[in-house]
Amino acid sequence: MRLAVISDTHGNATALEAVIHDLSDQSPDAIVCLGDIVMRGPQPSECIHMVKSLKPLAVIRGNYDDKFTRFPEPGWVPATYKQELVLRAYEYDCERIGKEDQAWLANLPVELSCEFEEVPTEMYHAGPNTLVNIVYPWATLDELDTLYKHENTKLVLYGHVHHAYVRQGKGRLHVNCGSIGLPFDGDNRASYAIVDFKKRDIAVQLRRITYDIESALAIAKARSMPDIEAFEYALRYARYPYDALKQLT
């Protein structure tokens, strides 16, 4: 069996379109999406519809999908620079995502446990019982050990950190497929994973796909997306943009 794992499109439909084109050459038997489909990019609605068109086996709710459908609380006002960015992204997406798609995002599951071939697998956006905790590729083995619930699990798939990697730890394989729309690992190509199963054997490809960054930026500018400078910094340098941009202003 061949499984494609995608995550963290963040409204960048130009990058997602390139990945979908590459997927047609890979011929996966199934596709799973690990969340953060919307916010921080210019085309959130298009990303939702493109993900749906793939007829994925599962779509897991990401922290930004969750935030968009449950935010802000009554009376909330931004208290930090990052919260101001989030509010502007939320308001932008509210103008572009219809009620039906908002309901779909709000009701996505936050985890899935299943078996591929003979491999017990757990899937999350960030990890068990959390949408926001961060486990980076350079985490300790004990930190990696927080990414599963069931002792018999042999494969963990997750997104969230925008760093693609594969690591073995304490009898489990951990795969982060990286980010399609906003990689932060220094490689600005869209990232996703292909996992091949043959009974209990597993092979993983981390695929990096070149796409037209200038087109994505042109769409953002044409739509007057807020905080375009941060979006452009992230697309060009594949680095977390918000702290850097704050220091430059």
C-alpha atoms as a PDB file:
ATOM      1  CA  MET A   1       0.000   0.000   0.000  1.00  0.00           C
ATOM      2  CA  ARG A   2       1.136   3.532  -0.776  1.00  0.00           C
ATOM      3  CA  LEU A   3      -0.027   6.411   1.458  1.00  0.00           C
ATOM      4  CA  ALA A   4       0.431  10.130   0.742  1.00  0.00           C
ATOM      5  CA  VAL A   5       0.629  12.412   3.789  1.00  0.00           C
ATOM      6  CA  ILE A   6       0.020  16.143   3.329  1.00  0.00           C
ATOM      7  CA  SER A   7      -0.255  18.943   5.872  1.00  0.00           C
ATOM      8  CA  ASP A   8      -0.068  22.663   6.588  1.00  0.00           C
ATOM      9  CA  THR A   9      -1.195  24.215   3.323  1.00  0.00           C
ATOM     10  CA  HIS A  10      -2.040  27.466   5.172  1.00  0.00           C
ATOM     11  CA  GLY A  11      -4.040  28.939   2.318  1.00  0.00           C
ATOM     12  CA  ASN A  12      -1.250  28.542  -0.244  1.00  0.00           C
ATOM     13  CA  ALA A  13      -3.202  26.954  -3.092  1.00  0.00           C
ATOM     14  CA  THR A  14      -0.379  27.544  -5.581  1.00  0.00           C
ATOM     15  CA  ALA A  15       1.877  25.216  -3.598  1.00  0.00           C
ATOM     16  CA  LEU A  16      -0.927  22.695  -3.068  1.00  0.00           C
ATOM     17  CA  GLU A  17      -1.675  22.611  -6.793  1.00  0.00           C
ATOM     18  CA  ALA A  18       1.961  21.680  -7.500  1.00  0.00           C
ATOM     19  CA  VAL A  19       1.814  18.904  -4.903  1.00  0.00           C
ATOM     20  CA  ILE A  20      -1.423  17.547  -6.379  1.00  0.00           C
ATOM     21  CA  HIS A  21       0.249  17.443  -9.792  1.00  0.00           C
ATOM     22  CA  ASP A  22       3.151  15.473  -8.286  1.00  0.00           C
ATOM     23  CA  LEU A  23       0.703  13.146  -6.534  1.00  0.00           C
ATOM     24  CA  SER A  24      -0.708  12.127  -9.903  1.00  0.00           C
ATOM     25  CA  ASP A  25       2.719  10.681 -10.742  1.00  0.00           C
ATOM     26  CA  GLN A  26       3.050   8.905  -7.380  1.00  0.00           C
ATOM     27  CA  SER A  27      -0.311   7.072  -7.605  1.00  0.00           C
ATOM     28  CA  PRO A  28      -1.000   6.706  -3.875  1.00  0.00           C
ATOM     29  CA  ASP A  29      -3.673   4.266  -2.762  1.00  0.00           C
ATOM     30  CA  ALA A  30      -4.850   6.729  -0.121  1.00  0.00           C
ATOM     31  CA  ILE A  31      -4.198  10.284   1.045  1.00  0.00           C
ATOM     32  CA  VAL A  32      -4.393  11.769   4.520  1.00  0.00           C
ATOM     33  CA  CYS A  33      -4.265  15.448   5.432  1.00  0.00           C
ATOM     34  CA  LEU A  34      -2.964  16.436   8.863  1.00  0.00           C
ATOM     35  CA  GLY A  35      -4.502  19.880   9.117  1.00  0.00           C
ATOM     36  CA  ASP A  36      -3.845  23.619   9.035  1.00  0.00           C
ATOM     37  CA  ILE A  37      -5.550  23.991   5.687  1.00  0.00           C
ATOM     38  CA  VAL A  38      -6.428  27.650   6.241  1.00  0.00           C
ATOM     39  CA  MET A  39      -5.072  30.972   7.574  1.00  0.00           C
ATOM     40  CA  ARG A  40      -1.862  32.867   6.800  1.00  0.00           C
ATOM     41  CA  GLY A  41      -2.143  32.430   3.014  1.00  0.00           C
ATOM     42  CA  PRO A  42      -4.210  34.116   0.278  1.00  0.00           C
ATOM     43  CA  GLN A  43      -6.433  31.228  -0.888  1.00  0.00           C
ATOM     44  CA  PRO A  44      -8.003  29.424   2.092  1.00  0.00           C
ATOM     45  CA  SER A  45     -11.245  28.483   0.328  1.00  0.00           C
ATOM     46  CA  GLU A  46      -9.395  27.109  -2.683  1.00  0.00           C
ATOM     47  CA  CYS A  47      -7.239  24.965  -0.391  1.00  0.00           C
ATOM     48  CA  ILE A  48     -10.308  23.509   1.307  1.00  0.00           C
ATOM     49  CA  HIS A  49     -11.877  22.581  -2.009  1.00  0.00           C
ATOM     50  CA  MET A  50      -8.632  21.122  -3.367  1.00  0.00           C
ATOM     51  CA  VAL A  51      -8.166  18.953  -0.269  1.00  0.00           C
ATOM     52  CA  LYS A  52     -11.767  17.744  -0.539  1.00  0.00           C
ATOM     53  CA  SER A  53     -11.246  16.943  -4.230  1.00  0.00           C
ATOM     54  CA  LEU A  54      -8.519  14.462  -3.288  1.00  0.00           C
ATOM     55  CA  LYS A  55     -11.143  12.377  -1.440  1.00  0.00           C
ATOM     56  CA  PRO A  56      -8.747  11.824   1.452  1.00  0.00           C
ATOM     57  CA  LEU A  57      -9.008   8.828   3.732  1.00  0.00           C
ATOM     58  CA  ALA A  58      -8.848  11.248   6.661  1.00  0.00           C
ATOM     59  CA  VAL A  59      -8.479  14.956   7.353  1.00  0.00           C
ATOM     60  CA  ILE A  60      -7.233  15.880  10.817  1.00  0.00           C
ATOM     61  CA  ARG A  61      -8.033  19.256  12.367  1.00  0.00           C
ATOM     62  CA  GLY A  62      -5.048  21.565  12.767  1.00  0.00           C
ATOM     63  CA  ASN A  63      -4.577  24.316  15.317  1.00  0.00           C
ATOM     64  CA  TYR A  64      -5.323  27.045  12.749  1.00  0.00           C
ATOM     65  CA  ASP A  65      -8.400  25.189  11.485  1.00  0.00           C
ATOM     66  CA  ASP A  66      -9.491  24.988  15.103  1.00  0.00           C
ATOM     67  CA  LYS A  67      -8.618  28.611  15.832  1.00  0.00           C
ATOM     68  CA  PHE A  68     -10.474  29.864  12.770  1.00  0.00           C
ATOM     69  CA  THR A  69     -13.704  28.088  13.733  1.00  0.00           C
ATOM     70  CA  ARG A  70     -13.562  28.864  17.487  1.00  0.00           C
ATOM     71  CA  PHE A  71     -12.057  32.354  17.587  1.00  0.00           C
ATOM     72  CA  PRO A  72     -12.213  34.960  18.942  1.00  0.00           C
ATOM     73  CA  GLU A  73     -13.998  34.592  22.248  1.00  0.00           C
ATOM     74  CA  PRO A  74     -16.495  37.375  23.073  1.00  0.00           C
ATOM     75  CA  GLY A  75     -14.683  40.473  24.279  1.00  0.00           C
ATOM     76  CA  TRP A  76     -11.248  39.228  23.224  1.00  0.00           C
ATOM     77  CA  VAL A  77      -8.710  41.827  22.102  1.00  0.00           C
ATOM     78  CA  PRO A  78      -5.170  41.072  20.860  1.00  0.00           C
ATOM     79  CA  ALA A  79      -2.511  41.599  23.506  1.00  0.00           C
ATOM     80  CA  THR A  80       0.614  40.673  21.519  1.00  0.00           C
ATOM     81  CA  TYR A  81       2.076  41.195  18.056  1.00  0.00           C
ATOM     82  CA  LYS A  82       1.417  37.546  17.171  1.00  0.00           C
ATOM     83  CA  GLN A  83      -2.217  37.828  18.293  1.00  0.00           C
ATOM     84  CA  GLU A  84      -2.643  40.901  16.061  1.00  0.00           C
ATOM     85  CA  LEU A  85      -1.352  38.854  13.107  1.00  0.00           C
ATOM     86  CA  VAL A  86      -3.735  36.015  13.923  1.00  0.00           C
ATOM     87  CA  LEU A  87      -6.700  38.396  14.161  1.00  0.00           C
ATOM     88  CA  ARG A  88      -5.958  39.922  10.761  1.00  0.00           C
ATOM     89  CA  ALA A  89      -5.582  36.462   9.202  1.00  0.00           C
ATOM     90  CA  TYR A  90      -8.860  35.383  10.804  1.00  0.00           C
ATOM     91  CA  GLU A  91     -10.721  38.411   9.475  1.00  0.00           C
ATOM     92  CA  TYR A  92      -9.281  37.861   5.987  1.00  0.00           C
ATOM     93  CA  ASP A  93     -10.357  34.207   5.935  1.00  0.00           C
ATOM     94  CA  CYS A  94     -13.833  35.040   7.284  1.00  0.00           C
ATOM     95  CA  GLU A  95     -14.461  37.007   4.093  1.00  0.00           C
ATOM     96  CA  ARG A  96     -13.490  34.044   1.918  1.00  0.00           C
ATOM     97  CA  ILE A  97     -14.648  30.807   3.558  1.00  0.00           C
ATOM     98  CA  GLY A  98     -18.328  29.934   3.274  1.00  0.00           C
ATOM     99  CA  LYS A  99     -20.489  28.674   6.143  1.00  0.00           C
ATOM    100  CA  GLU A 100     -20.543  25.095   4.854  1.00  0.00           C
ATOM    101  CA  ASP A 101     -16.760  24.925   4.711  1.00  0.00           C
ATOM    102  CA  GLN A 102     -16.483  26.580   8.117  1.00  0.00           C
ATOM    103  CA  ALA A 103     -18.701  23.843   9.577  1.00  0.00           C
ATOM    104  CA  TRP A 104     -16.618  21.174   7.836  1.00  0.00           C
ATOM    105  CA  LEU A 105     -13.404  22.575   9.362  1.00  0.00           C
ATOM    106  CA  ALA A 106     -14.976  22.862  12.806  1.00  0.00           C
ATOM    107  CA  ASN A 107     -16.007  19.207  12.873  1.00  0.00           C
ATOM    108  CA  LEU A 108     -12.802  17.571  11.661  1.00  0.00           C
ATOM    109  CA  PRO A 109     -11.415  14.934  14.053  1.00  0.00           C
ATOM    110  CA  VAL A 110      -8.282  15.738  16.039  1.00  0.00           C
ATOM    111  CA  GLU A 111      -6.712  12.267  15.734  1.00  0.00           C
ATOM    112  CA  LEU A 112      -6.963   8.922  14.006  1.00  0.00           C
ATOM    113  CA  SER A 113      -5.649   5.488  14.922  1.00  0.00           C
ATOM    114  CA  CYS A 114      -5.735   2.782  12.267  1.00  0.00           C
ATOM    115  CA  GLU A 115      -3.670   0.009  10.701  1.00  0.00           C
ATOM    116  CA  PHE A 116      -2.017   0.068   7.286  1.00  0.00           C
ATOM    117  CA  GLU A 117      -1.064  -3.414   6.135  1.00  0.00           C
ATOM    118  CA  GLU A 118       0.229  -4.763   9.468  1.00  0.00           C
ATOM    119  CA  VAL A 119       1.453  -1.430  10.869  1.00  0.00           C
ATOM    120  CA  PRO A 120      -0.543   0.151  13.746  1.00  0.00           C
ATOM    121  CA  THR A 121      -0.510   3.896  13.041  1.00  0.00           C
ATOM    122  CA  GLU A 122      -1.487   7.077  14.867  1.00  0.00           C
ATOM    123  CA  MET A 123      -2.112  10.416  13.119  1.00  0.00           C
ATOM    124  CA  TYR A 124      -2.223  13.876  14.659  1.00  0.00           C
ATOM    125  CA  HIS A 125      -1.677  17.478  13.733  1.00  0.00           C
ATOM    126  CA  ALA A 126       0.669  18.177  16.665  1.00  0.00           C
ATOM    127  CA  GLY A 127       0.343  15.193  18.986  1.00  0.00           C
ATOM    128  CA  PRO A 128      -1.987  13.321  21.335  1.00  0.00           C
ATOM    129  CA  ASN A 129      -4.387  15.575  23.256  1.00  0.00           C
ATOM    130  CA  THR A 130      -2.882  18.756  21.784  1.00  0.00           C
ATOM    131  CA  LEU A 131      -3.097  20.865  18.661  1.00  0.00           C
ATOM    132  CA  VAL A 132      -0.226  23.177  19.600  1.00  0.00           C
ATOM    133  CA  ASN A 133       2.612  21.352  21.392  1.00  0.00           C
ATOM    134  CA  ILE A 134       5.825  21.322  19.378  1.00  0.00           C
ATOM    135  CA  VAL A 135       8.117  18.325  18.899  1.00  0.00           C
ATOM    136  CA  TYR A 136      10.920  19.313  16.542  1.00  0.00           C
ATOM    137  CA  PRO A 137      13.124  16.951  14.480  1.00  0.00           C
ATOM    138  CA  TRP A 138      15.944  17.409  16.988  1.00  0.00           C
ATOM    139  CA  ALA A 139      13.782  16.414  19.965  1.00  0.00           C
ATOM    140  CA  THR A 140      15.097  13.966  22.528  1.00  0.00           C
ATOM    141  CA  LEU A 141      13.885  10.384  22.430  1.00  0.00           C
ATOM    142  CA  ASP A 142      11.794  11.111  25.507  1.00  0.00           C
ATOM    143  CA  GLU A 143      10.131  14.014  23.678  1.00  0.00           C
ATOM    144  CA  LEU A 144       9.465  11.798  20.657  1.00  0.00           C
ATOM    145  CA  ASP A 145       7.921   9.350  23.080  1.00  0.00           C
ATOM    146  CA  THR A 146       5.097  11.835  23.780  1.00  0.00           C
ATOM    147  CA  LEU A 147       3.741  11.460  20.235  1.00  0.00           C
ATOM    148  CA  TYR A 148       1.742   8.266  20.706  1.00  0.00           C
ATOM    149  CA  LYS A 149      -1.051   6.866  22.878  1.00  0.00           C
ATOM    150  CA  HIS A 150      -0.995   3.121  22.254  1.00  0.00           C
ATOM    151  CA  GLU A 151       1.878   0.814  23.109  1.00  0.00           C
ATOM    152  CA  ASN A 152       1.438  -1.270  19.968  1.00  0.00           C
ATOM    153  CA  THR A 153       1.782   1.764  17.656  1.00  0.00           C
ATOM    154  CA  LYS A 154       4.665   1.427  15.184  1.00  0.00           C
ATOM    155  CA  LEU A 155       4.170   4.551  13.059  1.00  0.00           C
ATOM    156  CA  VAL A 156       3.319   8.122  14.052  1.00  0.00           C
ATOM    157  CA  LEU A 157       2.368  10.704  11.410  1.00  0.00           C
ATOM    158  CA  TYR A 158       2.085  14.384  12.290  1.00  0.00           C
ATOM    159  CA  GLY A 159       2.571  17.912  10.936  1.00  0.00           C
ATOM    160  CA  HIS A 160       2.465  21.306  12.697  1.00  0.00           C
ATOM    161  CA  VAL A 161       6.192  22.075  13.046  1.00  0.00           C
ATOM    162  CA  HIS A 162       6.815  22.799   9.320  1.00  0.00           C
ATOM    163  CA  HIS A 163      10.018  20.739   9.441  1.00  0.00           C
ATOM    164  CA  ALA A 164      10.014  17.504   7.432  1.00  0.00           C
ATOM    165  CA  TYR A 165      11.862  14.566   8.969  1.00  0.00           C
ATOM    166  CA  VAL A 166      11.880  10.821   9.639  1.00  0.00           C
ATOM    167  CA  ARG A 167      13.233   9.381  12.892  1.00  0.00           C
ATOM    168  CA  GLN A 168      13.216   6.028  14.601  1.00  0.00           C
ATOM    169  CA  GLY A 169      12.819   6.077  18.366  1.00  0.00           C
ATOM    170  CA  LYS A 170      12.001   3.450  20.976  1.00  0.00           C
ATOM    171  CA  GLY A 171      10.568   1.013  18.452  1.00  0.00           C
ATOM    172  CA  ARG A 172       8.432   3.532  16.543  1.00  0.00           C
ATOM    173  CA  LEU A 173       8.918   5.424  13.323  1.00  0.00           C
ATOM    174  CA  HIS A 174       8.038   9.116  13.509  1.00  0.00           C
ATOM    175  CA  VAL A 175       7.271  10.909  10.235  1.00  0.00           C
ATOM    176  CA  ASN A 176       6.647  14.610   9.899  1.00  0.00           C
ATOM    177  CA  CYS A 177       5.582  15.413   6.351  1.00  0.00           C
ATOM    178  CA  GLY A 178       6.538  19.083   6.650  1.00  0.00           C
ATOM    179  CA  SER A 179       4.481  21.958   5.287  1.00  0.00           C
ATOM    180  CA  ILE A 180       3.101  22.415   1.801  1.00  0.00           C
ATOM    181  CA  GLY A 181       2.328  26.108   2.123  1.00  0.00           C
ATOM    182  CA  LEU A 182       4.901  27.490   4.588  1.00  0.00           C
ATOM    183  CA  PRO A 183       7.990  25.327   5.144  1.00  0.00           C
ATOM    184  CA  PHE A 184      10.233  26.637   7.933  1.00  0.00           C
ATOM    185  CA  ASP A 185      13.146  24.206   7.483  1.00  0.00           C
ATOM    186  CA  GLY A 186      15.222  26.282   5.078  1.00  0.00           C
ATOM    187  CA  ASP A 187      13.925  24.584   1.904  1.00  0.00           C
ATOM    188  CA  ASN A 188      11.183  26.683   0.317  1.00  0.00           C
ATOM    189  CA  ARG A 189       9.806  23.899  -1.856  1.00  0.00           C
ATOM    190  CA  ALA A 190       6.446  22.434  -0.839  1.00  0.00           C
ATOM    191  CA  SER A 191       6.851  19.341   1.330  1.00  0.00           C
ATOM    192  CA  TYR A 192       4.861  16.144   1.741  1.00  0.00           C
ATOM    193  CA  ALA A 193       5.501  12.455   2.432  1.00  0.00           C
ATOM    194  CA  ILE A 194       4.911   9.141   0.694  1.00  0.00           C
ATOM    195  CA  VAL A 195       4.794   6.060   2.921  1.00  0.00           C
ATOM    196  CA  ASP A 196       4.966   2.604   1.330  1.00  0.00           C
ATOM    197  CA  PHE A 197       3.813  -0.413   3.334  1.00  0.00           C
ATOM    198  CA  LYS A 198       4.531  -4.058   2.647  1.00  0.00           C
ATOM    199  CA  LYS A 199       3.107  -5.943   5.584  1.00  0.00           C
ATOM    200  CA  ARG A 200       5.235  -4.761   8.522  1.00  0.00           C
ATOM    201  CA  ASP A 201       7.897  -3.128   6.364  1.00  0.00           C
ATOM    202  CA  ILE A 202       7.805   0.652   5.848  1.00  0.00           C
ATOM    203  CA  ALA A 203       9.618   2.930   3.398  1.00  0.00           C
ATOM    204  CA  VAL A 204       9.271   6.721   3.550  1.00  0.00           C
ATOM    205  CA  GLN A 205       9.971   9.412   0.954  1.00  0.00           C
ATOM    206  CA  LEU A 206      10.032  13.068   1.916  1.00  0.00           C
ATOM    207  CA  ARG A 207       9.192  14.813  -1.335  1.00  0.00           C
ATOM    208  CA  ARG A 208      10.033  18.485  -2.085  1.00  0.00           C
ATOM    209  CA  ILE A 209       8.152  20.134  -4.921  1.00  0.00           C
ATOM    210  CA  THR A 210       9.117  23.375  -6.644  1.00  0.00           C
ATOM    211  CA  TYR A 211       6.227  25.745  -7.316  1.00  0.00           C
ATOM    212  CA  ASP A 212       5.743  29.304  -8.585  1.00  0.00           C
ATOM    213  CA  ILE A 213       6.370  31.439  -5.508  1.00  0.00           C
ATOM    214  CA  GLU A 214       5.976  34.644  -7.516  1.00  0.00           C
ATOM    215  CA  SER A 215       2.465  33.585  -8.539  1.00  0.00           C
ATOM    216  CA  ALA A 216       1.523  32.894  -4.904  1.00  0.00           C
ATOM    217  CA  LEU A 217       2.812  36.329  -3.891  1.00  0.00           C
ATOM    218  CA  ALA A 218       1.017  38.023  -6.777  1.00  0.00           C
ATOM    219  CA  ILE A 219      -2.286  36.475  -5.659  1.00  0.00           C
ATOM    220  CA  ALA A 220      -1.683  37.648  -2.083  1.00  0.00           C
ATOM    221  CA  LYS A 221      -0.964  41.190  -3.270  1.00  0.00           C
ATOM    222  CA  ALA A 222      -3.927  41.263  -5.670  1.00  0.00           C
ATOM    223  CA  ARG A 223      -6.232  40.252  -2.807  1.00  0.00           C
ATOM    224  CA  SER A 224      -4.663  42.737  -0.361  1.00  0.00           C
ATOM    225  CA  MET A 225      -3.892  39.955   2.084  1.00  0.00           C
ATOM    226  CA  PRO A 226      -2.713  41.376   5.423  1.00  0.00           C
ATOM    227  CA  ASP A 227       0.900  40.965   6.521  1.00  0.00           C
ATOM    228  CA  ILE A 228       2.152  40.140   3.034  1.00  0.00           C
ATOM    229  CA  GLU A 229       5.712  40.968   4.124  1.00  0.00           C
ATOM    230  CA  ALA A 230       5.691  38.039   6.547  1.00  0.00           C
ATOM    231  CA  PHE A 231       4.170  35.726   3.933  1.00  0.00           C
ATOM    232  CA  GLU A 232       6.808  36.733   1.382  1.00  0.00           C
ATOM    233  CA  TYR A 233       9.644  36.259   3.895  1.00  0.00           C
ATOM    234  CA  ALA A 234       8.392  32.771   4.731  1.00  0.00           C
ATOM    235  CA  LEU A 235       7.982  31.743   1.082  1.00  0.00           C
ATOM    236  CA  ARG A 236      11.364  33.023  -0.031  1.00  0.00           C
ATOM    237  CA  TYR A 237      13.506  31.911   2.918  1.00  0.00           C
ATOM    238  CA  ALA A 238      11.495  29.036   4.416  1.00  0.00           C
ATOM    239  CA  ARG A 239      12.018  30.459   7.877  1.00  0.00           C
ATOM    240  CA  TYR A 240       9.580  31.418  10.627  1.00  0.00           C
ATOM    241  CA  PRO A 241       8.815  34.993   9.639  1.00  0.00           C
ATOM    242  CA  TYR A 242       6.992  36.675  12.473  1.00  0.00           C
ATOM    243  CA  ASP A 243       9.789  37.233  14.987  1.00  0.00           C
ATOM    244  CA  ALA A 244      12.166  38.266  12.174  1.00  0.00           C
ATOM    245  CA  LEU A 245       9.717  40.775  10.680  1.00  0.00           C
ATOM    246  CA  LYS A 246       8.964  42.283  14.081  1.00  0.00           C
ATOM    247  CA  GLN A 247      12.678  42.901  14.631  1.00  0.00           C
ATOM    248  CA  LEU A 248      12.951  44.586  11.246  1.00  0.00           C
ATOM    249  CA  THR A 249      10.054  46.995  11.855  1.00  0.00           C
END
